[in-house]
């Protein structure tokens, strides 16, 4: 189902947001934003985030959320779960077995030959269960390490569904991020879904240009973390001591940020 959602986004020039979470209040805020805008959503968990919450716990929380989404009063939008920057092959297989919609194998720190070998194995394993695979062959923020020909060859040989290229994007919040739109345009010609990592530090104008050039999935993590910390600290300074009231402030702030991003990506009411 995720493949169809990404294909629709690709054909209609909008992007699906992936928002990472590592706490229940983050998850609730993200889902509230998606619900309010009736937008398909990808929930991301990195290896560190997943190890903190627990694999079984993450799957259970998302399943509960999916069941609730089916009864949203104004209609429902699909919820997907993706392993972000997976490097542990055993953990990646577990995520496939536990019903993740997609897994991201980050072999960017490996020689291209070894990256290709592992990615092939993961694709074979994941596709048997209808799970999509995202590949990465050059570290984000270090574009130019591999040629466009190498990227295309990697996609063809491995069969990955999505590719996360390095086109000037950087993980974290960086005010002077400048996307290499020329390189992105060339990468977008490859027969693969294009994913943009490091979406937190990219200007609105560049995001819109990237989507026009074929980006169908944009990852947001740092901004969620910053919103969480800033609003948590602000709420703690008040006299309120009931945890659920403090946390609700944080959830609402995250919801607002998620809605802002979904509208920017054009994914609302999709």
C-alpha atoms as a PDB file:
ATOM      1  CA  UNK A   1       0.000   0.000   0.000  1.00  0.00           C
ATOM      2  CA  UNK A   2       2.867   2.385   0.731  1.00  0.00           C
ATOM      3  CA  UNK A   3       4.124   1.842  -2.816  1.00  0.00           C
ATOM      4  CA  UNK A   4       0.796   3.040  -4.217  1.00  0.00           C
ATOM      5  CA  UNK A   5       0.812   6.095  -1.936  1.00  0.00           C
ATOM      6  CA  UNK A   6       4.335   7.050  -3.036  1.00  0.00           C
ATOM      7  CA  UNK A   7       3.450   6.432  -6.673  1.00  0.00           C
ATOM      8  CA  UNK A   8       0.462   8.745  -6.381  1.00  0.00           C
ATOM      9  CA  UNK A   9       2.662  11.413  -4.792  1.00  0.00           C
ATOM     10  CA  UNK A  10       5.198  10.985  -7.586  1.00  0.00           C
ATOM     11  CA  UNK A  11       2.567  11.386 -10.296  1.00  0.00           C
ATOM     12  CA  UNK A  12       0.904  14.403  -8.675  1.00  0.00           C
ATOM     13  CA  UNK A  13       4.043  16.255  -7.503  1.00  0.00           C
ATOM     14  CA  UNK A  14       3.653  16.262  -3.735  1.00  0.00           C
ATOM     15  CA  UNK A  15       5.581  14.514  -0.961  1.00  0.00           C
ATOM     16  CA  UNK A  16       4.760  12.344   2.031  1.00  0.00           C
ATOM     17  CA  UNK A  17       6.310  13.409   5.313  1.00  0.00           C
ATOM     18  CA  UNK A  18       8.242  10.968   7.454  1.00  0.00           C
ATOM     19  CA  UNK A  19       8.311  12.136  11.062  1.00  0.00           C
ATOM     20  CA  UNK A  20      10.483  10.326  13.581  1.00  0.00           C
ATOM     21  CA  UNK A  21       9.436   9.689  17.158  1.00  0.00           C
ATOM     22  CA  UNK A  22      10.989   8.252  20.288  1.00  0.00           C
ATOM     23  CA  UNK A  23       8.328   9.120  22.875  1.00  0.00           C
ATOM     24  CA  UNK A  24       4.575   8.622  23.123  1.00  0.00           C
ATOM     25  CA  UNK A  25       3.874  12.352  23.213  1.00  0.00           C
ATOM     26  CA  UNK A  26       5.828  12.842  19.981  1.00  0.00           C
ATOM     27  CA  UNK A  27       3.841  10.036  18.360  1.00  0.00           C
ATOM     28  CA  UNK A  28       0.528  11.479  19.520  1.00  0.00           C
ATOM     29  CA  UNK A  29       1.441  14.946  18.260  1.00  0.00           C
ATOM     30  CA  UNK A  30       2.506  13.632  14.854  1.00  0.00           C
ATOM     31  CA  UNK A  31      -0.642  11.548  14.442  1.00  0.00           C
ATOM     32  CA  UNK A  32      -2.871  14.436  15.537  1.00  0.00           C
ATOM     33  CA  UNK A  33      -1.385  16.571  12.769  1.00  0.00           C
ATOM     34  CA  UNK A  34      -1.941  13.865  10.171  1.00  0.00           C
ATOM     35  CA  UNK A  35      -5.489  13.269  11.394  1.00  0.00           C
ATOM     36  CA  UNK A  36      -6.423  16.934  11.306  1.00  0.00           C
ATOM     37  CA  UNK A  37      -5.194  17.335   7.725  1.00  0.00           C
ATOM     38  CA  UNK A  38      -6.332  13.872   6.572  1.00  0.00           C
ATOM     39  CA  UNK A  39      -2.808  13.186   5.323  1.00  0.00           C
ATOM     40  CA  UNK A  40      -0.971   9.898   4.809  1.00  0.00           C
ATOM     41  CA  UNK A  41       1.909   9.702   7.249  1.00  0.00           C
ATOM     42  CA  UNK A  42       5.138   7.750   7.610  1.00  0.00           C
ATOM     43  CA  UNK A  43       6.313   7.215  11.163  1.00  0.00           C
ATOM     44  CA  UNK A  44      10.082   6.834  11.382  1.00  0.00           C
ATOM     45  CA  UNK A  45      12.227   5.232  14.053  1.00  0.00           C
ATOM     46  CA  UNK A  46      16.015   5.083  13.845  1.00  0.00           C
ATOM     47  CA  UNK A  47      17.917   2.206  15.421  1.00  0.00           C
ATOM     48  CA  UNK A  48      18.602   4.341  18.489  1.00  0.00           C
ATOM     49  CA  UNK A  49      14.979   5.440  18.804  1.00  0.00           C
ATOM     50  CA  UNK A  50      13.743   1.916  18.244  1.00  0.00           C
ATOM     51  CA  UNK A  51      16.116   0.422  20.799  1.00  0.00           C
ATOM     52  CA  UNK A  52      14.953   2.995  23.344  1.00  0.00           C
ATOM     53  CA  UNK A  53      11.215   2.372  22.954  1.00  0.00           C
ATOM     54  CA  UNK A  54      11.419  -1.323  22.075  1.00  0.00           C
ATOM     55  CA  UNK A  55      10.518  -3.036  18.814  1.00  0.00           C
ATOM     56  CA  UNK A  56       7.394  -4.755  20.143  1.00  0.00           C
ATOM     57  CA  UNK A  57       6.236  -1.548  21.836  1.00  0.00           C
ATOM     58  CA  UNK A  58       6.635   0.505  18.649  1.00  0.00           C
ATOM     59  CA  UNK A  59       4.687  -2.019  16.575  1.00  0.00           C
ATOM     60  CA  UNK A  60       1.913  -2.206  19.185  1.00  0.00           C
ATOM     61  CA  UNK A  61       1.602   1.590  19.418  1.00  0.00           C
ATOM     62  CA  UNK A  62       1.418   1.971  15.656  1.00  0.00           C
ATOM     63  CA  UNK A  63      -1.134  -0.852  15.336  1.00  0.00           C
ATOM     64  CA  UNK A  64      -3.341   0.850  17.912  1.00  0.00           C
ATOM     65  CA  UNK A  65      -2.959   4.108  15.996  1.00  0.00           C
ATOM     66  CA  UNK A  66      -3.921   2.405  12.715  1.00  0.00           C
ATOM     67  CA  UNK A  67      -7.045   0.956  14.309  1.00  0.00           C
ATOM     68  CA  UNK A  68      -8.018   4.370  15.630  1.00  0.00           C
ATOM     69  CA  UNK A  69      -7.379   6.034  12.277  1.00  0.00           C
ATOM     70  CA  UNK A  70      -9.989   3.794  10.642  1.00  0.00           C
ATOM     71  CA  UNK A  71     -12.649   5.439  12.793  1.00  0.00           C
ATOM     72  CA  UNK A  72     -11.572   9.073  12.372  1.00  0.00           C
ATOM     73  CA  UNK A  73     -14.790  11.022  12.010  1.00  0.00           C
ATOM     74  CA  UNK A  74     -13.790  12.929   8.866  1.00  0.00           C
ATOM     75  CA  UNK A  75     -12.256   9.951   7.158  1.00  0.00           C
ATOM     76  CA  UNK A  76      -8.916   8.237   7.528  1.00  0.00           C
ATOM     77  CA  UNK A  77      -5.498   8.369   5.912  1.00  0.00           C
ATOM     78  CA  UNK A  78      -2.973   5.532   5.930  1.00  0.00           C
ATOM     79  CA  UNK A  79      -0.269   5.267   8.576  1.00  0.00           C
ATOM     80  CA  UNK A  80       3.042   3.606   7.707  1.00  0.00           C
ATOM     81  CA  UNK A  81       6.081   2.617   9.770  1.00  0.00           C
ATOM     82  CA  UNK A  82       9.672   2.815   8.513  1.00  0.00           C
ATOM     83  CA  UNK A  83      12.998   1.841  10.050  1.00  0.00           C
ATOM     84  CA  UNK A  84      15.245   4.861   9.507  1.00  0.00           C
ATOM     85  CA  UNK A  85      19.006   4.449   8.881  1.00  0.00           C
ATOM     86  CA  UNK A  86      19.100   0.744   9.628  1.00  0.00           C
ATOM     87  CA  UNK A  87      22.604  -0.745   9.665  1.00  0.00           C
ATOM     88  CA  UNK A  88      22.104  -3.856  11.791  1.00  0.00           C
ATOM     89  CA  UNK A  89      20.986  -6.555   9.335  1.00  0.00           C
ATOM     90  CA  UNK A  90      19.401  -8.657  12.061  1.00  0.00           C
ATOM     91  CA  UNK A  91      17.353  -5.702  13.311  1.00  0.00           C
ATOM     92  CA  UNK A  92      16.274  -4.879   9.755  1.00  0.00           C
ATOM     93  CA  UNK A  93      15.009  -8.445   9.305  1.00  0.00           C
ATOM     94  CA  UNK A  94      13.158  -8.248  12.618  1.00  0.00           C
ATOM     95  CA  UNK A  95      11.434  -5.064  11.487  1.00  0.00           C
ATOM     96  CA  UNK A  96      10.345  -6.834   8.301  1.00  0.00           C
ATOM     97  CA  UNK A  97       9.064  -9.793  10.332  1.00  0.00           C
ATOM     98  CA  UNK A  98       7.166  -7.537  12.733  1.00  0.00           C
ATOM     99  CA  UNK A  99       5.252  -5.816   9.951  1.00  0.00           C
ATOM    100  CA  UNK A 100       7.043  -2.554   9.188  1.00  0.00           C
ATOM    101  CA  UNK A 101       5.863  -0.979   5.930  1.00  0.00           C
ATOM    102  CA  UNK A 102       9.421  -0.148   4.884  1.00  0.00           C
ATOM    103  CA  UNK A 103      13.038  -0.404   6.011  1.00  0.00           C
ATOM    104  CA  UNK A 104      15.925   1.896   5.197  1.00  0.00           C
ATOM    105  CA  UNK A 105      19.255   0.135   4.793  1.00  0.00           C
ATOM    106  CA  UNK A 106      22.021   2.696   5.229  1.00  0.00           C
ATOM    107  CA  UNK A 107      25.163   1.151   3.778  1.00  0.00           C
ATOM    108  CA  UNK A 108      26.702   4.506   2.908  1.00  0.00           C
ATOM    109  CA  UNK A 109      29.737   3.841   5.091  1.00  0.00           C
ATOM    110  CA  UNK A 110      30.477   0.580   3.248  1.00  0.00           C
ATOM    111  CA  UNK A 111      32.356   0.036  -0.008  1.00  0.00           C
ATOM    112  CA  UNK A 112      29.851   0.185  -2.868  1.00  0.00           C
ATOM    113  CA  UNK A 113      30.300  -3.518  -3.669  1.00  0.00           C
ATOM    114  CA  UNK A 114      29.553  -4.591  -0.093  1.00  0.00           C
ATOM    115  CA  UNK A 115      26.644  -2.130   0.169  1.00  0.00           C
ATOM    116  CA  UNK A 116      25.164  -3.620  -3.004  1.00  0.00           C
ATOM    117  CA  UNK A 117      25.620  -7.177  -1.726  1.00  0.00           C
ATOM    118  CA  UNK A 118      23.813  -6.479   1.566  1.00  0.00           C
ATOM    119  CA  UNK A 119      21.083  -4.398  -0.059  1.00  0.00           C
ATOM    120  CA  UNK A 120      20.292  -7.255  -2.460  1.00  0.00           C
ATOM    121  CA  UNK A 121      19.816  -9.643   0.463  1.00  0.00           C
ATOM    122  CA  UNK A 122      17.594  -7.206   2.324  1.00  0.00           C
ATOM    123  CA  UNK A 123      15.464  -6.533  -0.755  1.00  0.00           C
ATOM    124  CA  UNK A 124      14.944 -10.253  -1.363  1.00  0.00           C
ATOM    125  CA  UNK A 125      13.926 -10.782   2.257  1.00  0.00           C
ATOM    126  CA  UNK A 126      11.700  -7.704   2.522  1.00  0.00           C
ATOM    127  CA  UNK A 127       9.926  -8.015  -0.825  1.00  0.00           C
ATOM    128  CA  UNK A 128       8.735 -11.519   0.061  1.00  0.00           C
ATOM    129  CA  UNK A 129       6.606  -9.852   2.727  1.00  0.00           C
ATOM    130  CA  UNK A 130       5.624  -6.788   0.726  1.00  0.00           C
ATOM    131  CA  UNK A 131       7.978  -4.465   2.615  1.00  0.00           C
ATOM    132  CA  UNK A 132       9.634  -1.615   0.699  1.00  0.00           C
ATOM    133  CA  UNK A 133      13.378  -0.993   0.938  1.00  0.00           C
ATOM    134  CA  UNK A 134      15.167   2.349   0.865  1.00  0.00           C
ATOM    135  CA  UNK A 135      18.852   2.419  -0.050  1.00  0.00           C
ATOM    136  CA  UNK A 136      21.669   4.898   0.478  1.00  0.00           C
ATOM    137  CA  UNK A 137      25.125   4.769  -1.093  1.00  0.00           C
ATOM    138  CA  UNK A 138      26.677   8.127  -0.232  1.00  0.00           C
ATOM    139  CA  UNK A 139      26.657   9.803   3.167  1.00  0.00           C
ATOM    140  CA  UNK A 140      24.198  12.678   3.411  1.00  0.00           C
ATOM    141  CA  UNK A 141      26.136  15.929   3.253  1.00  0.00           C
ATOM    142  CA  UNK A 142      28.952  14.429   1.162  1.00  0.00           C
ATOM    143  CA  UNK A 143      27.511  14.434  -2.345  1.00  0.00           C
ATOM    144  CA  UNK A 144      29.767  13.618  -5.239  1.00  0.00           C
ATOM    145  CA  UNK A 145      31.317  10.558  -3.600  1.00  0.00           C
ATOM    146  CA  UNK A 146      29.672   8.351  -6.215  1.00  0.00           C
ATOM    147  CA  UNK A 147      28.622   9.037  -9.782  1.00  0.00           C
ATOM    148  CA  UNK A 148      25.066   9.173 -11.048  1.00  0.00           C
ATOM    149  CA  UNK A 149      25.907   6.053 -13.040  1.00  0.00           C
ATOM    150  CA  UNK A 150      26.828   4.255  -9.817  1.00  0.00           C
ATOM    151  CA  UNK A 151      23.549   5.304  -8.202  1.00  0.00           C
ATOM    152  CA  UNK A 152      21.559   4.035 -11.176  1.00  0.00           C
ATOM    153  CA  UNK A 153      23.520   0.775 -11.224  1.00  0.00           C
ATOM    154  CA  UNK A 154      22.954   0.301  -7.489  1.00  0.00           C
ATOM    155  CA  UNK A 155      19.197   0.766  -7.879  1.00  0.00           C
ATOM    156  CA  UNK A 156      19.013  -1.673 -10.799  1.00  0.00           C
ATOM    157  CA  UNK A 157      21.203  -4.352  -9.232  1.00  0.00           C
ATOM    158  CA  UNK A 158      19.664  -4.271  -5.759  1.00  0.00           C
ATOM    159  CA  UNK A 159      16.030  -3.626  -6.636  1.00  0.00           C
ATOM    160  CA  UNK A 160      15.603  -1.044  -3.868  1.00  0.00           C
ATOM    161  CA  UNK A 161      12.318   0.841  -4.100  1.00  0.00           C
ATOM    162  CA  UNK A 162      13.666   4.189  -2.892  1.00  0.00           C
ATOM    163  CA  UNK A 163      17.011   5.940  -2.914  1.00  0.00           C
ATOM    164  CA  UNK A 164      18.243   8.654  -0.563  1.00  0.00           C
ATOM    165  CA  UNK A 165      20.754  10.757  -2.512  1.00  0.00           C
ATOM    166  CA  UNK A 166      23.135  13.358  -1.150  1.00  0.00           C
ATOM    167  CA  UNK A 167      22.267  16.604  -2.919  1.00  0.00           C
ATOM    168  CA  UNK A 168      23.456  19.243  -0.475  1.00  0.00           C
ATOM    169  CA  UNK A 169      21.079  18.167   2.294  1.00  0.00           C
ATOM    170  CA  UNK A 170      22.473  17.748   5.810  1.00  0.00           C
ATOM    171  CA  UNK A 171      21.048  16.066   8.891  1.00  0.00           C
ATOM    172  CA  UNK A 172      20.167  18.506  11.643  1.00  0.00           C
ATOM    173  CA  UNK A 173      19.298  22.200  11.499  1.00  0.00           C
ATOM    174  CA  UNK A 174      21.532  24.243   9.211  1.00  0.00           C
ATOM    175  CA  UNK A 175      20.468  27.693   7.995  1.00  0.00           C
ATOM    176  CA  UNK A 176      22.717  27.752   4.940  1.00  0.00           C
ATOM    177  CA  UNK A 177      21.685  24.494   3.311  1.00  0.00           C
ATOM    178  CA  UNK A 178      21.718  24.811  -0.477  1.00  0.00           C
ATOM    179  CA  UNK A 179      20.374  21.899  -2.463  1.00  0.00           C
ATOM    180  CA  UNK A 180      22.153  20.866  -5.629  1.00  0.00           C
ATOM    181  CA  UNK A 181      19.010  21.002  -7.758  1.00  0.00           C
ATOM    182  CA  UNK A 182      20.903  20.105 -10.925  1.00  0.00           C
ATOM    183  CA  UNK A 183      22.131  16.869  -9.357  1.00  0.00           C
ATOM    184  CA  UNK A 184      18.705  16.179  -7.895  1.00  0.00           C
ATOM    185  CA  UNK A 185      17.143  16.583 -11.341  1.00  0.00           C
ATOM    186  CA  UNK A 186      19.560  14.001 -12.732  1.00  0.00           C
ATOM    187  CA  UNK A 187      18.964  11.561  -9.857  1.00  0.00           C
ATOM    188  CA  UNK A 188      15.198  11.906 -10.333  1.00  0.00           C
ATOM    189  CA  UNK A 189      15.540  10.343 -13.805  1.00  0.00           C
ATOM    190  CA  UNK A 190      16.467   7.051 -12.142  1.00  0.00           C
ATOM    191  CA  UNK A 191      13.601   4.572 -11.842  1.00  0.00           C
ATOM    192  CA  UNK A 192      13.194   4.867  -8.087  1.00  0.00           C
ATOM    193  CA  UNK A 193      11.318   6.859  -5.466  1.00  0.00           C
ATOM    194  CA  UNK A 194      13.508   9.776  -4.359  1.00  0.00           C
ATOM    195  CA  UNK A 195      13.815  10.485  -0.634  1.00  0.00           C
ATOM    196  CA  UNK A 196      15.129  13.721   0.854  1.00  0.00           C
ATOM    197  CA  UNK A 197      16.843  13.340   4.214  1.00  0.00           C
ATOM    198  CA  UNK A 198      17.665  16.245   6.511  1.00  0.00           C
ATOM    199  CA  UNK A 199      14.431  18.053   5.679  1.00  0.00           C
ATOM    200  CA  UNK A 200      14.536  20.007   8.947  1.00  0.00           C
ATOM    201  CA  UNK A 201      17.233  22.375   7.739  1.00  0.00           C
ATOM    202  CA  UNK A 202      15.948  23.168   4.253  1.00  0.00           C
ATOM    203  CA  UNK A 203      14.095  26.353   3.276  1.00  0.00           C
ATOM    204  CA  UNK A 204      10.472  26.279   2.114  1.00  0.00           C
ATOM    205  CA  UNK A 205      11.407  27.416  -1.385  1.00  0.00           C
ATOM    206  CA  UNK A 206      14.019  24.685  -1.812  1.00  0.00           C
ATOM    207  CA  UNK A 207      11.608  22.067  -0.482  1.00  0.00           C
ATOM    208  CA  UNK A 208       9.024  23.081  -3.088  1.00  0.00           C
ATOM    209  CA  UNK A 209      11.617  22.943  -5.862  1.00  0.00           C
ATOM    210  CA  UNK A 210      12.795  19.514  -4.710  1.00  0.00           C
ATOM    211  CA  UNK A 211       9.236  18.168  -4.803  1.00  0.00           C
ATOM    212  CA  UNK A 212       8.751  19.523  -8.332  1.00  0.00           C
ATOM    213  CA  UNK A 213      11.906  17.651  -9.317  1.00  0.00           C
ATOM    214  CA  UNK A 214      10.516  14.354  -8.083  1.00  0.00           C
ATOM    215  CA  UNK A 215      11.115  13.993  -4.330  1.00  0.00           C
ATOM    216  CA  UNK A 216       8.217  11.956  -2.901  1.00  0.00           C
ATOM    217  CA  UNK A 217       9.279  11.491   0.730  1.00  0.00           C
ATOM    218  CA  UNK A 218      10.861  14.032   3.078  1.00  0.00           C
ATOM    219  CA  UNK A 219      12.304  13.097   6.468  1.00  0.00           C
ATOM    220  CA  UNK A 220      11.805  15.380   9.458  1.00  0.00           C
ATOM    221  CA  UNK A 221      13.382  14.538  12.807  1.00  0.00           C
ATOM    222  CA  UNK A 222      15.499  17.354  14.268  1.00  0.00           C
ATOM    223  CA  UNK A 223      12.681  19.900  14.180  1.00  0.00           C
ATOM    224  CA  UNK A 224      10.417  17.495  16.073  1.00  0.00           C
ATOM    225  CA  UNK A 225      13.127  17.021  18.694  1.00  0.00           C
ATOM    226  CA  UNK A 226      13.713  20.762  19.049  1.00  0.00           C
ATOM    227  CA  UNK A 227      10.008  21.534  19.360  1.00  0.00           C
ATOM    228  CA  UNK A 228       9.735  18.776  21.974  1.00  0.00           C
ATOM    229  CA  UNK A 229      12.622  20.090  24.077  1.00  0.00           C
ATOM    230  CA  UNK A 230      11.774  23.787  23.820  1.00  0.00           C
ATOM    231  CA  UNK A 231       8.135  23.354  24.765  1.00  0.00           C
ATOM    232  CA  UNK A 232       8.885  20.830  27.484  1.00  0.00           C
ATOM    233  CA  UNK A 233      11.291  23.251  29.159  1.00  0.00           C
ATOM    234  CA  UNK A 234       8.810  26.102  28.830  1.00  0.00           C
ATOM    235  CA  UNK A 235       5.980  24.018  30.313  1.00  0.00           C
ATOM    236  CA  UNK A 236       8.150  22.856  33.216  1.00  0.00           C
ATOM    237  CA  UNK A 237       8.727  26.460  34.292  1.00  0.00           C
ATOM    238  CA  UNK A 238       5.026  26.877  35.040  1.00  0.00           C
ATOM    239  CA  UNK A 239       3.350  25.837  38.294  1.00  0.00           C
ATOM    240  CA  UNK A 240       1.531  22.900  36.715  1.00  0.00           C
ATOM    241  CA  UNK A 241       2.703  19.526  38.097  1.00  0.00           C
ATOM    242  CA  UNK A 242       0.276  17.114  36.406  1.00  0.00           C
ATOM    243  CA  UNK A 243       2.414  15.280  33.820  1.00  0.00           C
ATOM    244  CA  UNK A 244      -0.426  14.782  31.362  1.00  0.00           C
ATOM    245  CA  UNK A 245      -1.162  18.516  31.297  1.00  0.00           C
ATOM    246  CA  UNK A 246       2.512  19.370  30.784  1.00  0.00           C
ATOM    247  CA  UNK A 247       2.867  16.791  28.045  1.00  0.00           C
ATOM    248  CA  UNK A 248      -0.309  17.926  26.272  1.00  0.00           C
ATOM    249  CA  UNK A 249       1.355  21.301  25.641  1.00  0.00           C
ATOM    250  CA  UNK A 250       4.271  19.542  23.962  1.00  0.00           C
ATOM    251  CA  UNK A 251       1.944  17.371  21.879  1.00  0.00           C
ATOM    252  CA  UNK A 252       0.068  20.389  20.567  1.00  0.00           C
ATOM    253  CA  UNK A 253       3.315  22.136  19.596  1.00  0.00           C
ATOM    254  CA  UNK A 254       4.457  19.046  17.688  1.00  0.00           C
ATOM    255  CA  UNK A 255       1.064  18.772  16.012  1.00  0.00           C
ATOM    256  CA  UNK A 256       1.346  22.379  14.823  1.00  0.00           C
ATOM    257  CA  UNK A 257       4.814  21.761  13.350  1.00  0.00           C
ATOM    258  CA  UNK A 258       3.704  18.547  11.626  1.00  0.00           C
ATOM    259  CA  UNK A 259       0.702  20.308  10.079  1.00  0.00           C
ATOM    260  CA  UNK A 260       2.994  23.073   8.828  1.00  0.00           C
ATOM    261  CA  UNK A 261       5.226  20.511   7.124  1.00  0.00           C
ATOM    262  CA  UNK A 262       2.374  18.473   5.644  1.00  0.00           C
ATOM    263  CA  UNK A 263       0.916  21.610   4.051  1.00  0.00           C
ATOM    264  CA  UNK A 264       4.343  22.572   2.696  1.00  0.00           C
ATOM    265  CA  UNK A 265       4.774  19.097   1.180  1.00  0.00           C
ATOM    266  CA  UNK A 266       1.280  19.227  -0.329  1.00  0.00           C
ATOM    267  CA  UNK A 267       0.203  16.019   1.393  1.00  0.00           C
ATOM    268  CA  UNK A 268      -2.952  17.300   3.103  1.00  0.00           C
ATOM    269  CA  UNK A 269      -6.247  15.654   2.154  1.00  0.00           C
ATOM    270  CA  UNK A 270      -4.429  13.044   0.081  1.00  0.00           C
END
